[in-house]
Amino acid sequence: MLVYGRNVALEMLKNPKKVQKVILQQGFDDKKILSLLDNTNIPVITKSKKEIDHLADGVHQGIILYVRNYQYYSLSDILTDDASFIVMLDHIEDPHNFGAIIRTCEAAGVDAIIIPKDRQVQVNATVMKTSVGTLDQMKIVQVSNLATTIDTLKKENFWIVGTALENSVDYRDIDYSGKIVLVIGNEGAGMSKLVMKKCDFIAKIPMYGTTNSLNASVASGIMIYEVVRNRK
């Protein structure tokens, strides 16, 4: 996998075993990154800006890293670790949303994120860049079926809290003190009907202006920190 950008590079080079190769633009002068590279055995190749522009499909800031693909966790991994706050993404499609949610989850101390294998953006270069290197601290579980995963989590005494505007209650009126799975729906369609049916609570964030919905990552941040606030 290719990732690029100076902030991501700084985070990734703290765990250099995952970095296979680095490409620098001619004249690259970030002293912190160069110092980190000097203390590793990572192969470094210098290329022209034109060559790097061809490799990266976004703003690279003069550095590209070849890193190992993200290794997903299993559901049993996080249950063994006695997780108590999980975020489940119901087919999020925008890698920027996914990356921002990962960053928020890590900052808030969420134990794990669960995503489906199909019709969901997976961990890629854009997700890694948007999450600004927090992937190493966040456990992401990939499952075949969200509905059956919810059934398993309910057996482990998790309460399932979904998010939607209809047939819902104010998100501030829910008790989040127990083991919680917070479900965030797709950017356009929201939660699937089957997942929604399996939720114990459906929460809504009140809209007071003309806007009738929030960006998925923004809504996630509000909900995640409400759960954290209730658990202190």
C-alpha atoms as a PDB file:
ATOM      1  CA  MET A   1       0.000   0.000   0.000  1.00  0.00           C
ATOM      2  CA  LEU A   2       1.214   3.510  -0.825  1.00  0.00           C
ATOM      3  CA  VAL A   3       0.694   6.311   1.692  1.00  0.00           C
ATOM      4  CA  TYR A   4       1.929   9.843   1.432  1.00  0.00           C
ATOM      5  CA  GLY A   5       2.182  13.114   3.291  1.00  0.00           C
ATOM      6  CA  ARG A   6       4.516  14.374   6.015  1.00  0.00           C
ATOM      7  CA  ASN A   7       2.193  13.910   9.015  1.00  0.00           C
ATOM      8  CA  VAL A   8       1.483  10.303   8.076  1.00  0.00           C
ATOM      9  CA  ALA A   9       5.191   9.718   7.448  1.00  0.00           C
ATOM     10  CA  LEU A  10       6.098  11.013  10.915  1.00  0.00           C
ATOM     11  CA  GLU A  11       3.611   8.632  12.530  1.00  0.00           C
ATOM     12  CA  MET A  12       4.515   5.632  10.381  1.00  0.00           C
ATOM     13  CA  LEU A  13       8.248   6.048  10.958  1.00  0.00           C
ATOM     14  CA  LYS A  14       7.681   5.685  14.698  1.00  0.00           C
ATOM     15  CA  ASN A  15       7.019   2.027  13.870  1.00  0.00           C
ATOM     16  CA  PRO A  16       9.424   1.539  10.935  1.00  0.00           C
ATOM     17  CA  LYS A  17       8.920  -2.235  10.734  1.00  0.00           C
ATOM     18  CA  LYS A  18       5.726  -1.583   8.756  1.00  0.00           C
ATOM     19  CA  VAL A  19       7.502   0.619   6.198  1.00  0.00           C
ATOM     20  CA  GLN A  20       9.018  -1.266   3.286  1.00  0.00           C
ATOM     21  CA  LYS A  21      10.402   1.579   1.187  1.00  0.00           C
ATOM     22  CA  VAL A  22      10.393   5.392   1.068  1.00  0.00           C
ATOM     23  CA  ILE A  23      10.480   7.652  -1.972  1.00  0.00           C
ATOM     24  CA  LEU A  24      11.555  11.255  -1.461  1.00  0.00           C
ATOM     25  CA  GLN A  25      11.241  14.142  -3.845  1.00  0.00           C
ATOM     26  CA  GLN A  26      14.524  15.714  -4.910  1.00  0.00           C
ATOM     27  CA  GLY A  27      15.369  18.474  -2.444  1.00  0.00           C
ATOM     28  CA  PHE A  28      13.176  17.054   0.350  1.00  0.00           C
ATOM     29  CA  ASP A  29      14.283  18.907   3.492  1.00  0.00           C
ATOM     30  CA  ASP A  30      12.056  17.899   6.423  1.00  0.00           C
ATOM     31  CA  LYS A  31      14.687  17.461   9.140  1.00  0.00           C
ATOM     32  CA  LYS A  32      12.472  15.420  11.484  1.00  0.00           C
ATOM     33  CA  ILE A  33      11.637  12.864   8.824  1.00  0.00           C
ATOM     34  CA  LEU A  34      15.187  12.702   7.511  1.00  0.00           C
ATOM     35  CA  SER A  35      16.453  12.153  11.049  1.00  0.00           C
ATOM     36  CA  LEU A  36      13.990   9.298  11.596  1.00  0.00           C
ATOM     37  CA  LEU A  37      15.021   7.708   8.303  1.00  0.00           C
ATOM     38  CA  ASP A  38      18.707   7.954   9.240  1.00  0.00           C
ATOM     39  CA  ASN A  39      18.005   5.700  12.235  1.00  0.00           C
ATOM     40  CA  THR A  40      16.385   2.916  10.174  1.00  0.00           C
ATOM     41  CA  ASN A  41      17.412   0.447   7.486  1.00  0.00           C
ATOM     42  CA  ILE A  42      14.492   1.420   5.247  1.00  0.00           C
ATOM     43  CA  PRO A  43      15.513   1.762   1.574  1.00  0.00           C
ATOM     44  CA  VAL A  44      15.183   5.390   0.431  1.00  0.00           C
ATOM     45  CA  ILE A  45      14.879   6.359  -3.234  1.00  0.00           C
ATOM     46  CA  THR A  46      14.961   9.915  -4.579  1.00  0.00           C
ATOM     47  CA  LYS A  47      12.794  10.859  -7.547  1.00  0.00           C
ATOM     48  CA  SER A  48      11.739  14.006  -9.362  1.00  0.00           C
ATOM     49  CA  LYS A  49       8.488  15.802  -8.524  1.00  0.00           C
ATOM     50  CA  LYS A  50       7.031  14.646 -11.842  1.00  0.00           C
ATOM     51  CA  GLU A  51       7.773  11.009 -11.037  1.00  0.00           C
ATOM     52  CA  ILE A  52       6.243  11.276  -7.564  1.00  0.00           C
ATOM     53  CA  ASP A  53       3.191  13.109  -8.923  1.00  0.00           C
ATOM     54  CA  HIS A  54       2.636  10.112 -11.195  1.00  0.00           C
ATOM     55  CA  LEU A  55       2.742   7.676  -8.249  1.00  0.00           C
ATOM     56  CA  ALA A  56       0.471   9.577  -5.851  1.00  0.00           C
ATOM     57  CA  ASP A  57      -3.127  10.520  -6.625  1.00  0.00           C
ATOM     58  CA  GLY A  58      -3.208  13.242  -3.961  1.00  0.00           C
ATOM     59  CA  VAL A  59      -1.059  15.809  -2.160  1.00  0.00           C
ATOM     60  CA  HIS A  60       2.134  13.935  -1.279  1.00  0.00           C
ATOM     61  CA  GLN A  61       4.281  16.771   0.183  1.00  0.00           C
ATOM     62  CA  GLY A  62       7.356  15.195  -1.339  1.00  0.00           C
ATOM     63  CA  ILE A  63       7.238  11.785   0.373  1.00  0.00           C
ATOM     64  CA  ILE A  64       5.685   8.414  -0.401  1.00  0.00           C
ATOM     65  CA  LEU A  65       5.897   5.348   1.823  1.00  0.00           C
ATOM     66  CA  TYR A  66       5.343   1.754   0.785  1.00  0.00           C
ATOM     67  CA  VAL A  67       3.780   0.118   3.838  1.00  0.00           C
ATOM     68  CA  ARG A  68       2.365  -3.288   4.654  1.00  0.00           C
ATOM     69  CA  ASN A  69      -1.375  -3.675   4.115  1.00  0.00           C
ATOM     70  CA  TYR A  70      -3.463  -3.179   7.246  1.00  0.00           C
ATOM     71  CA  GLN A  71      -4.065  -6.419   9.151  1.00  0.00           C
ATOM     72  CA  TYR A  72      -7.663  -6.567  10.330  1.00  0.00           C
ATOM     73  CA  TYR A  73      -8.604  -8.034  13.697  1.00  0.00           C
ATOM     74  CA  SER A  74     -11.191 -10.753  14.259  1.00  0.00           C
ATOM     75  CA  LEU A  75     -14.300 -10.335  16.391  1.00  0.00           C
ATOM     76  CA  SER A  76     -12.927 -12.866  18.860  1.00  0.00           C
ATOM     77  CA  ASP A  77      -9.800 -10.718  19.261  1.00  0.00           C
ATOM     78  CA  ILE A  78     -11.720  -7.756  20.641  1.00  0.00           C
ATOM     79  CA  LEU A  79     -14.112  -9.831  22.744  1.00  0.00           C
ATOM     80  CA  THR A  80     -11.139 -11.566  24.331  1.00  0.00           C
ATOM     81  CA  ASP A  81      -9.744  -8.112  25.142  1.00  0.00           C
ATOM     82  CA  ASP A  82     -12.957  -7.331  27.048  1.00  0.00           C
ATOM     83  CA  ALA A  83     -14.050  -4.467  24.820  1.00  0.00           C
ATOM     84  CA  SER A  84     -16.943  -2.362  26.117  1.00  0.00           C
ATOM     85  CA  PHE A  85     -17.343   0.427  23.549  1.00  0.00           C
ATOM     86  CA  ILE A  86     -17.428  -0.469  19.862  1.00  0.00           C
ATOM     87  CA  VAL A  87     -18.287   1.625  16.806  1.00  0.00           C
ATOM     88  CA  MET A  88     -19.897  -0.244  13.901  1.00  0.00           C
ATOM     89  CA  LEU A  89     -19.949   1.315  10.430  1.00  0.00           C
ATOM     90  CA  ASP A  90     -22.869   0.278   8.246  1.00  0.00           C
ATOM     91  CA  HIS A  91     -21.323   0.593   4.755  1.00  0.00           C
ATOM     92  CA  ILE A  92     -19.487   3.915   4.924  1.00  0.00           C
ATOM     93  CA  GLU A  93     -18.278   4.696   1.394  1.00  0.00           C
ATOM     94  CA  ASP A  94     -16.173   7.866   1.684  1.00  0.00           C
ATOM     95  CA  PRO A  95     -12.555   7.162   2.693  1.00  0.00           C
ATOM     96  CA  HIS A  96     -12.259  10.654   4.186  1.00  0.00           C
ATOM     97  CA  ASN A  97     -15.223   9.951   6.471  1.00  0.00           C
ATOM     98  CA  PHE A  98     -13.748   6.591   7.444  1.00  0.00           C
ATOM     99  CA  GLY A  99     -10.351   8.098   8.210  1.00  0.00           C
ATOM    100  CA  ALA A 100     -11.876  10.905  10.271  1.00  0.00           C
ATOM    101  CA  ILE A 101     -13.989   8.409  12.242  1.00  0.00           C
ATOM    102  CA  ILE A 102     -10.908   6.301  12.966  1.00  0.00           C
ATOM    103  CA  ARG A 103      -9.101   9.363  14.283  1.00  0.00           C
ATOM    104  CA  THR A 104     -12.042  10.326  16.507  1.00  0.00           C
ATOM    105  CA  CYS A 105     -12.402   6.773  17.821  1.00  0.00           C
ATOM    106  CA  GLU A 106      -8.730   6.629  18.759  1.00  0.00           C
ATOM    107  CA  ALA A 107      -8.889  10.017  20.479  1.00  0.00           C
ATOM    108  CA  ALA A 108     -11.989   9.017  22.454  1.00  0.00           C
ATOM    109  CA  GLY A 109     -10.641   5.632  23.548  1.00  0.00           C
ATOM    110  CA  VAL A 110     -13.096   3.498  21.558  1.00  0.00           C
ATOM    111  CA  ASP A 111     -12.058  -0.160  21.857  1.00  0.00           C
ATOM    112  CA  ALA A 112     -12.655  -1.191  18.240  1.00  0.00           C
ATOM    113  CA  ILE A 113     -14.350  -0.393  14.937  1.00  0.00           C
ATOM    114  CA  ILE A 114     -16.341  -3.036  13.051  1.00  0.00           C
ATOM    115  CA  ILE A 115     -16.833  -2.786   9.281  1.00  0.00           C
ATOM    116  CA  PRO A 116     -18.390  -5.119   6.684  1.00  0.00           C
ATOM    117  CA  LYS A 117     -16.255  -6.705   3.958  1.00  0.00           C
ATOM    118  CA  ASP A 118     -18.559  -5.643   1.120  1.00  0.00           C
ATOM    119  CA  ARG A 119     -19.886  -2.242   0.029  1.00  0.00           C
ATOM    120  CA  GLN A 120     -17.694  -0.486   2.579  1.00  0.00           C
ATOM    121  CA  VAL A 121     -14.502   1.450   1.979  1.00  0.00           C
ATOM    122  CA  GLN A 122     -11.585  -0.564   3.331  1.00  0.00           C
ATOM    123  CA  VAL A 123      -8.329   0.712   4.818  1.00  0.00           C
ATOM    124  CA  ASN A 124      -6.499   2.337   1.921  1.00  0.00           C
ATOM    125  CA  ALA A 125      -4.006   5.159   1.388  1.00  0.00           C
ATOM    126  CA  THR A 126      -6.646   7.899   1.685  1.00  0.00           C
ATOM    127  CA  VAL A 127      -8.065   6.411   4.879  1.00  0.00           C
ATOM    128  CA  MET A 128      -4.589   6.112   6.349  1.00  0.00           C
ATOM    129  CA  LYS A 129      -3.707   9.698   5.469  1.00  0.00           C
ATOM    130  CA  THR A 130      -6.995  11.110   6.816  1.00  0.00           C
ATOM    131  CA  SER A 131      -6.618   9.172  10.066  1.00  0.00           C
ATOM    132  CA  VAL A 132      -3.171  10.770  10.458  1.00  0.00           C
ATOM    133  CA  GLY A 133      -1.345   7.669  11.584  1.00  0.00           C
ATOM    134  CA  THR A 134      -3.835   6.581  14.272  1.00  0.00           C
ATOM    135  CA  LEU A 135      -4.473   3.216  12.587  1.00  0.00           C
ATOM    136  CA  ASP A 136      -1.682   1.616  14.578  1.00  0.00           C
ATOM    137  CA  GLN A 137      -3.591   2.381  17.781  1.00  0.00           C
ATOM    138  CA  MET A 138      -7.057   1.402  16.516  1.00  0.00           C
ATOM    139  CA  LYS A 139      -8.410  -2.138  16.187  1.00  0.00           C
ATOM    140  CA  ILE A 140     -10.534  -2.544  13.073  1.00  0.00           C
ATOM    141  CA  VAL A 141     -12.559  -5.731  12.671  1.00  0.00           C
ATOM    142  CA  GLN A 142     -13.776  -6.869   9.278  1.00  0.00           C
ATOM    143  CA  VAL A 143     -16.885  -9.098   9.264  1.00  0.00           C
ATOM    144  CA  SER A 144     -18.979 -10.811   6.598  1.00  0.00           C
ATOM    145  CA  ASN A 145     -22.370  -9.876   8.018  1.00  0.00           C
ATOM    146  CA  LEU A 146     -23.265  -7.009  10.351  1.00  0.00           C
ATOM    147  CA  ALA A 147     -26.602  -8.462  11.454  1.00  0.00           C
ATOM    148  CA  THR A 148     -25.164 -11.768  12.641  1.00  0.00           C
ATOM    149  CA  THR A 149     -22.293  -9.878  14.276  1.00  0.00           C
ATOM    150  CA  ILE A 150     -24.840  -7.837  16.229  1.00  0.00           C
ATOM    151  CA  ASP A 151     -26.476 -11.090  17.381  1.00  0.00           C
ATOM    152  CA  THR A 152     -23.105 -12.270  18.677  1.00  0.00           C
ATOM    153  CA  LEU A 153     -22.468  -8.975  20.450  1.00  0.00           C
ATOM    154  CA  LYS A 154     -25.891  -9.058  22.098  1.00  0.00           C
ATOM    155  CA  LYS A 155     -24.998 -12.432  23.586  1.00  0.00           C
ATOM    156  CA  GLU A 156     -21.989 -10.663  25.088  1.00  0.00           C
ATOM    157  CA  ASN A 157     -24.360  -8.159  26.767  1.00  0.00           C
ATOM    158  CA  PHE A 158     -23.808  -5.253  24.399  1.00  0.00           C
ATOM    159  CA  TRP A 159     -26.576  -2.705  23.854  1.00  0.00           C
ATOM    160  CA  ILE A 160     -26.900  -1.650  20.213  1.00  0.00           C
ATOM    161  CA  VAL A 161     -27.464   2.060  19.571  1.00  0.00           C
ATOM    162  CA  GLY A 162     -28.207   3.059  15.997  1.00  0.00           C
ATOM    163  CA  THR A 163     -28.469   6.537  14.498  1.00  0.00           C
ATOM    164  CA  ALA A 164     -31.374   7.833  12.382  1.00  0.00           C
ATOM    165  CA  LEU A 165     -33.743  10.791  12.244  1.00  0.00           C
ATOM    166  CA  GLU A 166     -37.027   8.848  12.149  1.00  0.00           C
ATOM    167  CA  ASN A 167     -38.538   6.733  14.953  1.00  0.00           C
ATOM    168  CA  SER A 168     -35.737   7.844  17.245  1.00  0.00           C
ATOM    169  CA  VAL A 169     -35.075   9.606  20.532  1.00  0.00           C
ATOM    170  CA  ASP A 170     -32.754  12.473  21.408  1.00  0.00           C
ATOM    171  CA  TYR A 171     -29.243  11.045  21.677  1.00  0.00           C
ATOM    172  CA  ARG A 172     -28.844  12.737  25.084  1.00  0.00           C
ATOM    173  CA  ASP A 173     -31.738  10.747  26.562  1.00  0.00           C
ATOM    174  CA  ILE A 174     -30.073   7.319  26.230  1.00  0.00           C
ATOM    175  CA  ASP A 175     -28.174   5.538  29.002  1.00  0.00           C
ATOM    176  CA  TYR A 176     -24.730   4.603  27.670  1.00  0.00           C
ATOM    177  CA  SER A 177     -23.302   3.254  30.915  1.00  0.00           C
ATOM    178  CA  GLY A 178     -23.258  -0.411  29.831  1.00  0.00           C
ATOM    179  CA  LYS A 179     -21.422  -2.168  27.010  1.00  0.00           C
ATOM    180  CA  ILE A 180     -22.265  -0.202  23.877  1.00  0.00           C
ATOM    181  CA  VAL A 181     -22.123  -0.740  20.124  1.00  0.00           C
ATOM    182  CA  LEU A 182     -22.722   2.555  18.303  1.00  0.00           C
ATOM    183  CA  VAL A 183     -23.884   2.027  14.707  1.00  0.00           C
ATOM    184  CA  ILE A 184     -23.199   4.742  12.116  1.00  0.00           C
ATOM    185  CA  GLY A 185     -25.120   4.398   8.852  1.00  0.00           C
ATOM    186  CA  ASN A 186     -24.184   4.961   5.241  1.00  0.00           C
ATOM    187  CA  GLU A 187     -23.711   8.582   4.143  1.00  0.00           C
ATOM    188  CA  GLY A 188     -26.744   8.562   1.870  1.00  0.00           C
ATOM    189  CA  ALA A 189     -29.019   5.681   2.843  1.00  0.00           C
ATOM    190  CA  GLY A 190     -28.322   5.516   6.572  1.00  0.00           C
ATOM    191  CA  MET A 191     -28.540   2.182   8.372  1.00  0.00           C
ATOM    192  CA  SER A 192     -29.841  -0.852   6.525  1.00  0.00           C
ATOM    193  CA  LYS A 193     -33.332  -2.023   7.542  1.00  0.00           C
ATOM    194  CA  LEU A 194     -32.048  -5.297   8.999  1.00  0.00           C
ATOM    195  CA  VAL A 195     -29.407  -3.574  11.120  1.00  0.00           C
ATOM    196  CA  MET A 196     -31.933  -0.990  12.273  1.00  0.00           C
ATOM    197  CA  LYS A 197     -34.354  -3.724  13.403  1.00  0.00           C
ATOM    198  CA  LYS A 198     -31.654  -5.218  15.591  1.00  0.00           C
ATOM    199  CA  CYS A 199     -30.894  -1.957  17.413  1.00  0.00           C
ATOM    200  CA  ASP A 200     -32.043  -1.575  21.010  1.00  0.00           C
ATOM    201  CA  PHE A 201     -32.169   2.221  20.675  1.00  0.00           C
ATOM    202  CA  ILE A 202     -32.298   4.604  17.732  1.00  0.00           C
ATOM    203  CA  ALA A 203     -30.725   7.977  18.504  1.00  0.00           C
ATOM    204  CA  LYS A 204     -31.049  11.267  16.671  1.00  0.00           C
ATOM    205  CA  ILE A 205     -29.074  14.488  16.864  1.00  0.00           C
ATOM    206  CA  PRO A 206     -31.573  17.380  16.825  1.00  0.00           C
ATOM    207  CA  MET A 207     -31.307  19.766  13.869  1.00  0.00           C
ATOM    208  CA  TYR A 208     -32.136  23.388  14.668  1.00  0.00           C
ATOM    209  CA  GLY A 209     -31.300  25.009  11.340  1.00  0.00           C
ATOM    210  CA  THR A 210     -32.292  24.327   7.752  1.00  0.00           C
ATOM    211  CA  THR A 211     -29.868  21.404   7.451  1.00  0.00           C
ATOM    212  CA  ASN A 212     -31.595  18.057   8.036  1.00  0.00           C
ATOM    213  CA  SER A 213     -28.517  15.849   8.402  1.00  0.00           C
ATOM    214  CA  LEU A 214     -24.842  15.900   9.350  1.00  0.00           C
ATOM    215  CA  ASN A 215     -21.762  14.486   7.692  1.00  0.00           C
ATOM    216  CA  ALA A 216     -21.174  10.907   8.899  1.00  0.00           C
ATOM    217  CA  SER A 217     -17.866  11.719  10.569  1.00  0.00           C
ATOM    218  CA  VAL A 218     -19.306  14.789  12.313  1.00  0.00           C
ATOM    219  CA  ALA A 219     -22.318  12.837  13.582  1.00  0.00           C
ATOM    220  CA  SER A 220     -19.968  10.077  14.737  1.00  0.00           C
ATOM    221  CA  GLY A 221     -17.895  12.540  16.732  1.00  0.00           C
ATOM    222  CA  ILE A 222     -20.933  13.954  18.529  1.00  0.00           C
ATOM    223  CA  MET A 223     -22.307  10.501  19.359  1.00  0.00           C
ATOM    224  CA  ILE A 224     -18.964   9.021  20.404  1.00  0.00           C
ATOM    225  CA  TYR A 225     -18.230  11.799  22.869  1.00  0.00           C
ATOM    226  CA  GLU A 226     -21.740  11.630  24.299  1.00  0.00           C
ATOM    227  CA  VAL A 227     -21.082   7.954  25.080  1.00  0.00           C
ATOM    228  CA  VAL A 228     -17.724   8.857  26.639  1.00  0.00           C
ATOM    229  CA  ARG A 229     -19.300  11.659  28.698  1.00  0.00           C
ATOM    230  CA  ASN A 230     -21.943   9.300  30.087  1.00  0.00           C
ATOM    231  CA  ARG A 231     -19.395   6.671  31.072  1.00  0.00           C
ATOM    232  CA  LYS A 232     -17.226   8.893  33.249  1.00  0.00           C
END
